[in-house]
Amino acid sequence: MSVVTEPAAPPDERTLRLAHDVVSRFDVFVDQALEYCRTRLRERHFELTAEELSWLDLPELPLAAPEATVWADRTWAVRFAESRFRMADPYGILVTFNGTEPVDVQGIDDEQ
C-alpha cells in the first residue's frame, strides 16, 4: 500500500480513511480487479494474442503481486506488478477504481 501526495505532505483525513478502507478490504478489491481484467482484456483494443486470450479462461489469471496506491485526490488503483501479459511489460497492469468499483485497466509503461 502506498499513499502518494504531491507535493510531499501528510495525507488529509479523507485520504487516510480511504487508504484504511482499501487495506481492510484488499482481498475483495483484488478479486474485483481480477474479474474486471478477465472481462475487459477480451476487448479488441488490448490486442492480446490468441495465447493470452486463452489465459483469461484459466481458473487463476497470470496476474500476481498486487499492490494498492491511493493518491491525495482520493483516486486509487490496484497494480499487478507481475504478469505474463505483454501489455504488463515492464511495470505491470493497473486497475483504477472509482470508489469500490473498477473502472479502467491499462498496462504501465515508461511514459506513465
PDB file of N, CA and C in Angstrom:
ATOM      1  N   MET A   1       0.848  -1.168   0.000  1.00  0.00           N
ATOM      2  CA  MET A   1       0.000   0.000   0.000  1.00  0.00           C
ATOM      3  C   MET A   1       0.888   1.223   0.000  1.00  0.00           C
ATOM      4  N   SER A   2       0.589   2.127  -0.909  1.00  0.00           N
ATOM      5  CA  SER A   2       1.275   3.410  -0.969  1.00  0.00           C
ATOM      6  C   SER A   2       0.230   4.515  -0.947  1.00  0.00           C
ATOM      7  N   VAL A   3       0.560   5.597  -0.266  1.00  0.00           N
ATOM      8  CA  VAL A   3      -0.243   6.805  -0.310  1.00  0.00           C
ATOM      9  C   VAL A   3       0.655   7.869  -0.925  1.00  0.00           C
ATOM     10  N   VAL A   4       0.195   8.459  -2.020  1.00  0.00           N
ATOM     11  CA  VAL A   4       1.011   9.408  -2.768  1.00  0.00           C
ATOM     12  C   VAL A   4       0.419  10.808  -2.636  1.00  0.00           C
ATOM     13  N   THR A   5       1.242  11.729  -2.161  1.00  0.00           N
ATOM     14  CA  THR A   5       0.838  13.130  -2.099  1.00  0.00           C
ATOM     15  C   THR A   5       1.921  13.967  -2.766  1.00  0.00           C
ATOM     16  N   GLU A   6       1.488  14.843  -3.649  1.00  0.00           N
ATOM     17  CA  GLU A   6       2.417  15.733  -4.348  1.00  0.00           C
ATOM     18  C   GLU A   6       1.857  17.141  -4.331  1.00  0.00           C
ATOM     19  N   PRO A   7       2.612  18.107  -3.846  1.00  0.00           N
ATOM     20  CA  PRO A   7       3.941  17.960  -3.269  1.00  0.00           C
ATOM     21  C   PRO A   7       3.863  17.177  -1.962  1.00  0.00           C
ATOM     22  N   ALA A   8       4.996  16.668  -1.534  1.00  0.00           N
ATOM     23  CA  ALA A   8       5.053  15.830  -0.340  1.00  0.00           C
ATOM     24  C   ALA A   8       4.451  16.558   0.858  1.00  0.00           C
ATOM     25  N   ALA A   9       3.510  15.887   1.502  1.00  0.00           N
ATOM     26  CA  ALA A   9       2.847  16.434   2.681  1.00  0.00           C
ATOM     27  C   ALA A   9       2.092  15.293   3.354  1.00  0.00           C
ATOM     28  N   PRO A  10       1.762  15.443   4.623  1.00  0.00           N
ATOM     29  CA  PRO A  10       0.940  14.418   5.268  1.00  0.00           C
ATOM     30  C   PRO A  10      -0.421  14.333   4.570  1.00  0.00           C
ATOM     31  N   PRO A  11      -0.943  13.124   4.359  1.00  0.00           N
ATOM     32  CA  PRO A  11      -2.262  12.993   3.716  1.00  0.00           C
ATOM     33  C   PRO A  11      -3.358  13.526   4.635  1.00  0.00           C
ATOM     34  N   ASP A  12      -4.432  14.040   4.019  1.00  0.00           N
ATOM     35  CA  ASP A  12      -5.546  14.533   4.823  1.00  0.00           C
ATOM     36  C   ASP A  12      -6.366  13.362   5.361  1.00  0.00           C
ATOM     37  N   GLU A  13      -7.291  13.667   6.247  1.00  0.00           N
ATOM     38  CA  GLU A  13      -8.082  12.643   6.929  1.00  0.00           C
ATOM     39  C   GLU A  13      -8.895  11.791   5.954  1.00  0.00           C
ATOM     40  N   ARG A  14      -9.492  12.397   4.928  1.00  0.00           N
ATOM     41  CA  ARG A  14     -10.297  11.623   3.959  1.00  0.00           C
ATOM     42  C   ARG A  14      -9.434  10.647   3.181  1.00  0.00           C
ATOM     43  N   THR A  15      -8.233  11.059   2.811  1.00  0.00           N
ATOM     44  CA  THR A  15      -7.324  10.173   2.090  1.00  0.00           C
ATOM     45  C   THR A  15      -6.900   9.012   2.993  1.00  0.00           C
ATOM     46  N   LEU A  16      -6.610   9.301   4.252  1.00  0.00           N
ATOM     47  CA  LEU A  16      -6.242   8.232   5.195  1.00  0.00           C
ATOM     48  C   LEU A  16      -7.400   7.261   5.420  1.00  0.00           C
ATOM     49  N   ARG A  17      -8.620   7.771   5.467  1.00  0.00           N
ATOM     50  CA  ARG A  17      -9.788   6.899   5.620  1.00  0.00           C
ATOM     51  C   ARG A  17      -9.929   5.969   4.418  1.00  0.00           C
ATOM     52  N   LEU A  18      -9.740   6.524   3.210  1.00  0.00           N
ATOM     53  CA  LEU A  18      -9.803   5.704   2.000  1.00  0.00           C
ATOM     54  C   LEU A  18      -8.710   4.640   2.033  1.00  0.00           C
ATOM     55  N   ALA A  19      -7.504   5.024   2.409  1.00  0.00           N
ATOM     56  CA  ALA A  19      -6.404   4.056   2.483  1.00  0.00           C
ATOM     57  C   ALA A  19      -6.740   2.940   3.473  1.00  0.00           C
ATOM     58  N   HIS A  20      -7.326   3.285   4.599  1.00  0.00           N
ATOM     59  CA  HIS A  20      -7.728   2.273   5.583  1.00  0.00           C
ATOM     60  C   HIS A  20      -8.779   1.338   4.996  1.00  0.00           C
ATOM     61  N   ASP A  21      -9.769   1.899   4.301  1.00  0.00           N
ATOM     62  CA  ASP A  21     -10.810   1.080   3.674  1.00  0.00           C
ATOM     63  C   ASP A  21     -10.220   0.118   2.639  1.00  0.00           C
ATOM     64  N   VAL A  22      -9.290   0.621   1.846  1.00  0.00           N
ATOM     65  CA  VAL A  22      -8.660  -0.219   0.820  1.00  0.00           C
ATOM     66  C   VAL A  22      -7.890  -1.360   1.480  1.00  0.00           C
ATOM     67  N   VAL A  23      -7.123  -1.058   2.494  1.00  0.00           N
ATOM     68  CA  VAL A  23      -6.334  -2.089   3.178  1.00  0.00           C
ATOM     69  C   VAL A  23      -7.243  -3.112   3.852  1.00  0.00           C
ATOM     70  N   SER A  24      -8.292  -2.645   4.503  1.00  0.00           N
ATOM     71  CA  SER A  24      -9.146  -3.573   5.252  1.00  0.00           C
ATOM     72  C   SER A  24      -9.946  -4.504   4.338  1.00  0.00           C
ATOM     73  N   ARG A  25     -10.145  -4.106   3.078  1.00  0.00           N
ATOM     74  CA  ARG A  25     -10.895  -4.941   2.128  1.00  0.00           C
ATOM     75  C   ARG A  25     -10.038  -5.324   0.917  1.00  0.00           C
ATOM     76  N   PHE A  26      -8.730  -5.336   1.110  1.00  0.00           N
ATOM     77  CA  PHE A  26      -7.808  -5.528  -0.008  1.00  0.00           C
ATOM     78  C   PHE A  26      -8.095  -6.800  -0.803  1.00  0.00           C
ATOM     79  N   ASP A  27      -8.311  -7.925  -0.132  1.00  0.00           N
ATOM     80  CA  ASP A  27      -8.580  -9.180  -0.849  1.00  0.00           C
ATOM     81  C   ASP A  27      -9.816  -9.079  -1.734  1.00  0.00           C
ATOM     82  N   VAL A  28     -10.856  -8.416  -1.250  1.00  0.00           N
ATOM     83  CA  VAL A  28     -12.084  -8.237  -2.033  1.00  0.00           C
ATOM     84  C   VAL A  28     -11.787  -7.396  -3.271  1.00  0.00           C
ATOM     85  N   PHE A  29     -11.044  -6.303  -3.081  1.00  0.00           N
ATOM     86  CA  PHE A  29     -10.734  -5.428  -4.212  1.00  0.00           C
ATOM     87  C   PHE A  29      -9.828  -6.115  -5.230  1.00  0.00           C
ATOM     88  N   VAL A  30      -8.893  -6.933  -4.766  1.00  0.00           N
ATOM     89  CA  VAL A  30      -8.038  -7.680  -5.697  1.00  0.00           C
ATOM     90  C   VAL A  30      -8.886  -8.641  -6.520  1.00  0.00           C
ATOM     91  N   ASP A  31      -9.820  -9.340  -5.871  1.00  0.00           N
ATOM     92  CA  ASP A  31     -10.713 -10.248  -6.609  1.00  0.00           C
ATOM     93  C   ASP A  31     -11.542  -9.479  -7.636  1.00  0.00           C
ATOM     94  N   GLN A  32     -12.042  -8.304  -7.274  1.00  0.00           N
ATOM     95  CA  GLN A  32     -12.803  -7.488  -8.221  1.00  0.00           C
ATOM     96  C   GLN A  32     -11.916  -7.073  -9.391  1.00  0.00           C
ATOM     97  N   ALA A  33     -10.688  -6.674  -9.099  1.00  0.00           N
ATOM     98  CA  ALA A  33      -9.768  -6.251 -10.155  1.00  0.00           C
ATOM     99  C   ALA A  33      -9.459  -7.412 -11.095  1.00  0.00           C
ATOM    100  N   LEU A  34      -9.281  -8.600 -10.552  1.00  0.00           N
ATOM    101  CA  LEU A  34      -9.010  -9.771 -11.394  1.00  0.00           C
ATOM    102  C   LEU A  34     -10.181 -10.067 -12.322  1.00  0.00           C
ATOM    103  N   GLU A  35     -11.393 -10.056 -11.793  1.00  0.00           N
ATOM    104  CA  GLU A  35     -12.564 -10.320 -12.626  1.00  0.00           C
ATOM    105  C   GLU A  35     -12.770  -9.222 -13.659  1.00  0.00           C
ATOM    106  N   TYR A  36     -12.472  -7.999 -13.291  1.00  0.00           N
ATOM    107  CA  TYR A  36     -12.558  -6.885 -14.232  1.00  0.00           C
ATOM    108  C   TYR A  36     -11.580  -7.112 -15.379  1.00  0.00           C
ATOM    109  N   CYS A  37     -10.358  -7.527 -15.050  1.00  0.00           N
ATOM    110  CA  CYS A  37      -9.365  -7.827 -16.095  1.00  0.00           C
ATOM    111  C   CYS A  37      -9.844  -8.975 -16.976  1.00  0.00           C
ATOM    112  N   ARG A  38     -10.402 -10.004 -16.359  1.00  0.00           N
ATOM    113  CA  ARG A  38     -10.877 -11.162 -17.115  1.00  0.00           C
ATOM    114  C   ARG A  38     -11.889 -10.737 -18.183  1.00  0.00           C
ATOM    115  N   THR A  39     -12.733  -9.780 -17.846  1.00  0.00           N
ATOM    116  CA  THR A  39     -13.753  -9.289 -18.777  1.00  0.00           C
ATOM    117  C   THR A  39     -13.187  -8.274 -19.762  1.00  0.00           C
ATOM    118  N   ARG A  40     -12.557  -7.237 -19.256  1.00  0.00           N
ATOM    119  CA  ARG A  40     -12.121  -6.122 -20.105  1.00  0.00           C
ATOM    120  C   ARG A  40     -11.003  -6.488 -21.065  1.00  0.00           C
ATOM    121  N   LEU A  41     -10.076  -7.343 -20.640  1.00  0.00           N
ATOM    122  CA  LEU A  41      -8.931  -7.645 -21.505  1.00  0.00           C
ATOM    123  C   LEU A  41      -9.325  -8.412 -22.759  1.00  0.00           C
ATOM    124  N   ARG A  42     -10.552  -8.878 -22.840  1.00  0.00           N
ATOM    125  CA  ARG A  42     -11.045  -9.536 -24.063  1.00  0.00           C
ATOM    126  C   ARG A  42     -11.319  -8.520 -25.175  1.00  0.00           C
ATOM    127  N   GLU A  43     -11.402  -7.238 -24.808  1.00  0.00           N
ATOM    128  CA  GLU A  43     -11.693  -6.203 -25.802  1.00  0.00           C
ATOM    129  C   GLU A  43     -10.564  -6.110 -26.818  1.00  0.00           C
ATOM    130  N   ARG A  44     -10.953  -5.925 -28.048  1.00  0.00           N
ATOM    131  CA  ARG A  44     -10.026  -5.953 -29.175  1.00  0.00           C
ATOM    132  C   ARG A  44      -8.870  -4.958 -29.053  1.00  0.00           C
ATOM    133  N   HIS A  45      -9.131  -3.778 -28.505  1.00  0.00           N
ATOM    134  CA  HIS A  45      -8.095  -2.739 -28.476  1.00  0.00           C
ATOM    135  C   HIS A  45      -6.912  -3.085 -27.566  1.00  0.00           C
ATOM    136  N   PHE A  46      -7.051  -4.115 -26.700  1.00  0.00           N
ATOM    137  CA  PHE A  46      -5.910  -4.542 -25.888  1.00  0.00           C
ATOM    138  C   PHE A  46      -4.939  -5.399 -26.695  1.00  0.00           C
ATOM    139  N   GLU A  47      -5.391  -5.864 -27.852  1.00  0.00           N
ATOM    140  CA  GLU A  47      -4.547  -6.597 -28.799  1.00  0.00           C
ATOM    141  C   GLU A  47      -3.814  -7.791 -28.171  1.00  0.00           C
ATOM    142  N   LEU A  48      -4.553  -8.587 -27.400  1.00  0.00           N
ATOM    143  CA  LEU A  48      -3.952  -9.791 -26.828  1.00  0.00           C
ATOM    144  C   LEU A  48      -3.791 -10.850 -27.904  1.00  0.00           C
ATOM    145  N   THR A  49      -2.760 -11.646 -27.767  1.00  0.00           N
ATOM    146  CA  THR A  49      -2.556 -12.759 -28.689  1.00  0.00           C
ATOM    147  C   THR A  49      -3.572 -13.856 -28.377  1.00  0.00           C
ATOM    148  N   ALA A  50      -3.685 -14.826 -29.252  1.00  0.00           N
ATOM    149  CA  ALA A  50      -4.593 -15.950 -29.012  1.00  0.00           C
ATOM    150  C   ALA A  50      -4.207 -16.679 -27.724  1.00  0.00           C
ATOM    151  N   GLU A  51      -2.921 -16.840 -27.491  1.00  0.00           N
ATOM    152  CA  GLU A  51      -2.479 -17.500 -26.255  1.00  0.00           C
ATOM    153  C   GLU A  51      -2.878 -16.679 -25.025  1.00  0.00           C
ATOM    154  N   GLU A  52      -2.665 -15.367 -25.093  1.00  0.00           N
ATOM    155  CA  GLU A  52      -3.037 -14.521 -23.959  1.00  0.00           C
ATOM    156  C   GLU A  52      -4.539 -14.554 -23.707  1.00  0.00           C
ATOM    157  N   LEU A  53      -5.328 -14.547 -24.773  1.00  0.00           N
ATOM    158  CA  LEU A  53      -6.779 -14.647 -24.612  1.00  0.00           C
ATOM    159  C   LEU A  53      -7.170 -15.958 -23.928  1.00  0.00           C
ATOM    160  N   SER A  54      -6.456 -17.035 -24.224  1.00  0.00           N
ATOM    161  CA  SER A  54      -6.764 -18.314 -23.583  1.00  0.00           C
ATOM    162  C   SER A  54      -6.494 -18.267 -22.075  1.00  0.00           C
ATOM    163  N   TRP A  55      -5.539 -17.458 -21.645  1.00  0.00           N
ATOM    164  CA  TRP A  55      -5.244 -17.320 -20.212  1.00  0.00           C
ATOM    165  C   TRP A  55      -6.426 -16.736 -19.442  1.00  0.00           C
ATOM    166  N   LEU A  56      -7.280 -15.970 -20.138  1.00  0.00           N
ATOM    167  CA  LEU A  56      -8.434 -15.360 -19.481  1.00  0.00           C
ATOM    168  C   LEU A  56      -9.468 -16.400 -19.056  1.00  0.00           C
ATOM    169  N   ASP A  57      -9.359 -17.620 -19.599  1.00  0.00           N
ATOM    170  CA  ASP A  57     -10.266 -18.701 -19.233  1.00  0.00           C
ATOM    171  C   ASP A  57      -9.705 -19.606 -18.142  1.00  0.00           C
ATOM    172  N   LEU A  58      -8.477 -19.347 -17.718  1.00  0.00           N
ATOM    173  CA  LEU A  58      -7.876 -20.155 -16.655  1.00  0.00           C
ATOM    174  C   LEU A  58      -8.536 -19.834 -15.314  1.00  0.00           C
ATOM    175  N   PRO A  59      -8.568 -20.805 -14.404  1.00  0.00           N
ATOM    176  CA  PRO A  59      -9.140 -20.511 -13.076  1.00  0.00           C
ATOM    177  C   PRO A  59      -8.418 -19.362 -12.369  1.00  0.00           C
ATOM    178  N   GLU A  60      -7.102 -19.280 -12.556  1.00  0.00           N
ATOM    179  CA  GLU A  60      -6.326 -18.182 -11.975  1.00  0.00           C
ATOM    180  C   GLU A  60      -5.627 -17.421 -13.092  1.00  0.00           C
ATOM    181  N   LEU A  61      -5.890 -16.132 -13.168  1.00  0.00           N
ATOM    182  CA  LEU A  61      -5.234 -15.303 -14.184  1.00  0.00           C
ATOM    183  C   LEU A  61      -3.749 -15.160 -13.871  1.00  0.00           C
ATOM    184  N   PRO A  62      -2.932 -15.003 -14.911  1.00  0.00           N
ATOM    185  CA  PRO A  62      -1.495 -14.811 -14.678  1.00  0.00           C
ATOM    186  C   PRO A  62      -1.185 -13.371 -14.254  1.00  0.00           C
ATOM    187  N   LEU A  63      -1.777 -12.962 -13.142  1.00  0.00           N
ATOM    188  CA  LEU A  63      -1.543 -11.647 -12.550  1.00  0.00           C
ATOM    189  C   LEU A  63      -1.191 -11.874 -11.090  1.00  0.00           C
ATOM    190  N   ALA A  64      -0.101 -11.264 -10.631  1.00  0.00           N
ATOM    191  CA  ALA A  64       0.351 -11.509  -9.266  1.00  0.00           C
ATOM    192  C   ALA A  64       0.970 -10.248  -8.674  1.00  0.00           C
ATOM    193  N   ALA A  65       1.324 -10.358  -7.416  1.00  0.00           N
ATOM    194  CA  ALA A  65       1.963  -9.292  -6.654  1.00  0.00           C
ATOM    195  C   ALA A  65       1.133  -8.006  -6.669  1.00  0.00           C
ATOM    196  N   PRO A  66      -0.136  -8.095  -6.201  1.00  0.00           N
ATOM    197  CA  PRO A  66      -0.970  -6.898  -6.202  1.00  0.00           C
ATOM    198  C   PRO A  66      -0.504  -5.878  -5.159  1.00  0.00           C
ATOM    199  N   GLU A  67      -0.592  -4.617  -5.549  1.00  0.00           N
ATOM    200  CA  GLU A  67      -0.251  -3.501  -4.672  1.00  0.00           C
ATOM    201  C   GLU A  67      -1.348  -2.460  -4.820  1.00  0.00           C
ATOM    202  N   ALA A  68      -1.617  -1.720  -3.768  1.00  0.00           N
ATOM    203  CA  ALA A  68      -2.603  -0.636  -3.843  1.00  0.00           C
ATOM    204  C   ALA A  68      -1.894   0.698  -3.729  1.00  0.00           C
ATOM    205  N   THR A  69      -2.381   1.669  -4.483  1.00  0.00           N
ATOM    206  CA  THR A  69      -1.898   3.045  -4.382  1.00  0.00           C
ATOM    207  C   THR A  69      -3.106   3.947  -4.237  1.00  0.00           C
ATOM    208  N   VAL A  70      -3.038   4.821  -3.242  1.00  0.00           N
ATOM    209  CA  VAL A  70      -4.070   5.832  -3.026  1.00  0.00           C
ATOM    210  C   VAL A  70      -3.407   7.178  -3.229  1.00  0.00           C
ATOM    211  N   TRP A  71      -4.011   8.013  -4.075  1.00  0.00           N
ATOM    212  CA  TRP A  71      -3.472   9.344  -4.326  1.00  0.00           C
ATOM    213  C   TRP A  71      -4.201  10.373  -3.466  1.00  0.00           C
ATOM    214  N   ALA A  72      -3.560  11.512  -3.251  1.00  0.00           N
ATOM    215  CA  ALA A  72      -4.118  12.565  -2.399  1.00  0.00           C
ATOM    216  C   ALA A  72      -5.469  13.069  -2.894  1.00  0.00           C
ATOM    217  N   ASP A  73      -5.741  12.925  -4.202  1.00  0.00           N
ATOM    218  CA  ASP A  73      -7.049  13.361  -4.709  1.00  0.00           C
ATOM    219  C   ASP A  73      -8.128  12.304  -4.485  1.00  0.00           C
ATOM    220  N   ARG A  74      -7.772  11.255  -3.740  1.00  0.00           N
ATOM    221  CA  ARG A  74      -8.641  10.155  -3.349  1.00  0.00           C
ATOM    222  C   ARG A  74      -9.033   9.230  -4.501  1.00  0.00           C
ATOM    223  N   THR A  75      -8.243   9.229  -5.553  1.00  0.00           N
ATOM    224  CA  THR A  75      -8.360   8.172  -6.554  1.00  0.00           C
ATOM    225  C   THR A  75      -7.448   7.049  -6.082  1.00  0.00           C
ATOM    226  N   TRP A  76      -7.667   5.856  -6.591  1.00  0.00           N
ATOM    227  CA  TRP A  76      -6.801   4.753  -6.174  1.00  0.00           C
ATOM    228  C   TRP A  76      -6.828   3.634  -7.203  1.00  0.00           C
ATOM    229  N   ALA A  77      -5.864   2.716  -7.061  1.00  0.00           N
ATOM    230  CA  ALA A  77      -5.738   1.630  -8.032  1.00  0.00           C
ATOM    231  C   ALA A  77      -5.050   0.430  -7.404  1.00  0.00           C
ATOM    232  N   VAL A  78      -5.265  -0.715  -8.034  1.00  0.00           N
ATOM    233  CA  VAL A  78      -4.516  -1.936  -7.742  1.00  0.00           C
ATOM    234  C   VAL A  78      -3.586  -2.169  -8.918  1.00  0.00           C
ATOM    235  N   ARG A  79      -2.300  -2.340  -8.629  1.00  0.00           N
ATOM    236  CA  ARG A  79      -1.324  -2.671  -9.668  1.00  0.00           C
ATOM    237  C   ARG A  79      -0.885  -4.100  -9.459  1.00  0.00           C
ATOM    238  N   PHE A  80      -0.973  -4.892 -10.536  1.00  0.00           N
ATOM    239  CA  PHE A  80      -0.418  -6.237 -10.527  1.00  0.00           C
ATOM    240  C   PHE A  80       0.991  -6.115 -11.085  1.00  0.00           C
ATOM    241  N   ALA A  81       1.975  -6.225 -10.221  1.00  0.00           N
ATOM    242  CA  ALA A  81       3.364  -5.987 -10.607  1.00  0.00           C
ATOM    243  C   ALA A  81       3.931  -7.118 -11.460  1.00  0.00           C
ATOM    244  N   GLU A  82       3.346  -8.302 -11.376  1.00  0.00           N
ATOM    245  CA  GLU A  82       3.840  -9.452 -12.131  1.00  0.00           C
ATOM    246  C   GLU A  82       2.745 -10.016 -13.017  1.00  0.00           C
ATOM    247  N   SER A  83       3.102 -10.268 -14.278  1.00  0.00           N
ATOM    248  CA  SER A  83       2.148 -10.832 -15.221  1.00  0.00           C
ATOM    249  C   SER A  83       2.876 -11.349 -16.449  1.00  0.00           C
ATOM    250  N   ARG A  84       2.278 -12.342 -17.098  1.00  0.00           N
ATOM    251  CA  ARG A  84       2.823 -12.845 -18.368  1.00  0.00           C
ATOM    252  C   ARG A  84       2.271 -12.076 -19.566  1.00  0.00           C
ATOM    253  N   PHE A  85       1.236 -11.256 -19.375  1.00  0.00           N
ATOM    254  CA  PHE A  85       0.680 -10.491 -20.488  1.00  0.00           C
ATOM    255  C   PHE A  85       1.722  -9.499 -21.017  1.00  0.00           C
ATOM    256  N   ARG A  86       1.825  -9.406 -22.339  1.00  0.00           N
ATOM    257  CA  ARG A  86       2.771  -8.466 -22.956  1.00  0.00           C
ATOM    258  C   ARG A  86       2.512  -7.031 -22.519  1.00  0.00           C
ATOM    259  N   MET A  87       1.243  -6.668 -22.382  1.00  0.00           N
ATOM    260  CA  MET A  87       0.906  -5.291 -22.025  1.00  0.00           C
ATOM    261  C   MET A  87       1.386  -4.925 -20.623  1.00  0.00           C
ATOM    262  N   ALA A  88       1.772  -5.893 -19.832  1.00  0.00           N
ATOM    263  CA  ALA A  88       2.254  -5.633 -18.477  1.00  0.00           C
ATOM    264  C   ALA A  88       3.730  -5.265 -18.445  1.00  0.00           C
ATOM    265  N   ASP A  89       4.388  -5.346 -19.580  1.00  0.00           N
ATOM    266  CA  ASP A  89       5.820  -5.070 -19.641  1.00  0.00           C
ATOM    267  C   ASP A  89       6.056  -3.571 -19.776  1.00  0.00           C
ATOM    268  N   PRO A  90       6.813  -2.926 -18.961  1.00  0.00           N
ATOM    269  CA  PRO A  90       7.683  -3.502 -17.936  1.00  0.00           C
ATOM    270  C   PRO A  90       7.166  -3.361 -16.505  1.00  0.00           C
ATOM    271  N   TYR A  91       6.084  -2.599 -16.264  1.00  0.00           N
ATOM    272  CA  TYR A  91       5.742  -2.262 -14.879  1.00  0.00           C
ATOM    273  C   TYR A  91       4.431  -2.833 -14.365  1.00  0.00           C
ATOM    274  N   GLY A  92       3.773  -3.674 -15.125  1.00  0.00           N
ATOM    275  CA  GLY A  92       2.573  -4.308 -14.620  1.00  0.00           C
ATOM    276  C   GLY A  92       1.291  -3.804 -15.263  1.00  0.00           C
ATOM    277  N   ILE A  93       0.197  -4.201 -14.652  1.00  0.00           N
ATOM    278  CA  ILE A  93      -1.142  -3.828 -15.100  1.00  0.00           C
ATOM    279  C   ILE A  93      -1.822  -3.080 -13.966  1.00  0.00           C
ATOM    280  N   LEU A  94      -2.426  -1.948 -14.307  1.00  0.00           N
ATOM    281  CA  LEU A  94      -3.070  -1.080 -13.327  1.00  0.00           C
ATOM    282  C   LEU A  94      -4.577  -1.124 -13.520  1.00  0.00           C
ATOM    283  N   VAL A  95      -5.304  -1.402 -12.443  1.00  0.00           N
ATOM    284  CA  VAL A  95      -6.767  -1.360 -12.454  1.00  0.00           C
ATOM    285  C   VAL A  95      -7.177  -0.194 -11.558  1.00  0.00           C
ATOM    286  N   THR A  96      -7.779   0.818 -12.165  1.00  0.00           N
ATOM    287  CA  THR A  96      -8.194   2.015 -11.452  1.00  0.00           C
ATOM    288  C   THR A  96      -9.619   1.837 -10.939  1.00  0.00           C
ATOM    289  N   PHE A  97      -9.862   2.316  -9.735  1.00  0.00           N
ATOM    290  CA  PHE A  97     -11.174   2.222  -9.105  1.00  0.00           C
ATOM    291  C   PHE A  97     -11.791   3.599  -8.952  1.00  0.00           C
ATOM    292  N   ASN A  98     -13.124   3.628  -9.010  1.00  0.00           N
ATOM    293  CA  ASN A  98     -13.903   4.797  -8.624  1.00  0.00           C
ATOM    294  C   ASN A  98     -14.702   4.343  -7.416  1.00  0.00           C
ATOM    295  N   GLY A  99     -14.278   4.747  -6.247  1.00  0.00           N
ATOM    296  CA  GLY A  99     -14.892   4.231  -5.027  1.00  0.00           C
ATOM    297  C   GLY A  99     -14.573   2.763  -4.876  1.00  0.00           C
ATOM    298  N   THR A 100     -15.605   1.922  -4.925  1.00  0.00           N
ATOM    299  CA  THR A 100     -15.397   0.482  -4.753  1.00  0.00           C
ATOM    300  C   THR A 100     -15.529  -0.307  -6.050  1.00  0.00           C
ATOM    301  N   GLU A 101     -15.635   0.393  -7.181  1.00  0.00           N
ATOM    302  CA  GLU A 101     -15.826  -0.282  -8.468  1.00  0.00           C
ATOM    303  C   GLU A 101     -14.641  -0.049  -9.402  1.00  0.00           C
ATOM    304  N   PRO A 102     -14.108  -1.121 -10.008  1.00  0.00           N
ATOM    305  CA  PRO A 102     -13.062  -0.927 -11.018  1.00  0.00           C
ATOM    306  C   PRO A 102     -13.648  -0.250 -12.253  1.00  0.00           C
ATOM    307  N   VAL A 103     -12.885   0.717 -12.811  1.00  0.00           N
ATOM    308  CA  VAL A 103     -13.402   1.482 -13.947  1.00  0.00           C
ATOM    309  C   VAL A 103     -12.455   1.519 -15.136  1.00  0.00           C
ATOM    310  N   ASP A 104     -11.200   1.090 -14.958  1.00  0.00           N
ATOM    311  CA  ASP A 104     -10.258   1.139 -16.079  1.00  0.00           C
ATOM    312  C   ASP A 104      -9.134   0.143 -15.828  1.00  0.00           C
ATOM    313  N   VAL A 105      -8.564  -0.341 -16.927  1.00  0.00           N
ATOM    314  CA  VAL A 105      -7.389  -1.212 -16.847  1.00  0.00           C
ATOM    315  C   VAL A 105      -6.429  -0.780 -17.930  1.00  0.00           C
ATOM    316  N   GLN A 106      -5.127  -0.805 -17.592  1.00  0.00           N
ATOM    317  CA  GLN A 106      -4.122  -0.430 -18.571  1.00  0.00           C
ATOM    318  C   GLN A 106      -2.773  -1.047 -18.203  1.00  0.00           C
ATOM    319  N   GLY A 107      -1.966  -1.266 -19.222  1.00  0.00           N
ATOM    320  CA  GLY A 107      -0.598  -1.662 -18.996  1.00  0.00           C
ATOM    321  C   GLY A 107       0.220  -0.420 -18.641  1.00  0.00           C
ATOM    322  N   ILE A 108       1.231  -0.591 -17.795  1.00  0.00           N
ATOM    323  CA  ILE A 108       2.027   0.543 -17.375  1.00  0.00           C
ATOM    324  C   ILE A 108       3.383   0.468 -18.065  1.00  0.00           C
ATOM    325  N   ASP A 109       3.720   1.543 -18.782  1.00  0.00           N
ATOM    326  CA  ASP A 109       4.997   1.570 -19.486  1.00  0.00           C
ATOM    327  C   ASP A 109       5.848   2.735 -18.976  1.00  0.00           C
ATOM    328  N   ASP A 110       6.971   2.977 -19.629  1.00  0.00           N
ATOM    329  CA  ASP A 110       7.910   4.009 -19.185  1.00  0.00           C
ATOM    330  C   ASP A 110       7.325   5.413 -19.202  1.00  0.00           C
ATOM    331  N   GLU A 111       6.317   5.666 -20.027  1.00  0.00           N
ATOM    332  CA  GLU A 111       5.738   7.000 -20.128  1.00  0.00           C
ATOM    333  C   GLU A 111       4.810   7.323 -18.983  1.00  0.00           C
ATOM    334  N   GLN A 112       4.403   6.316 -18.210  1.00  0.00           N
ATOM    335  CA  GLN A 112       3.460   6.550 -17.118  1.00  0.00           C
ATOM    336  C   GLN A 112       4.212   6.541 -15.826  1.00  0.00           C
TER     337      GLN A 112
END
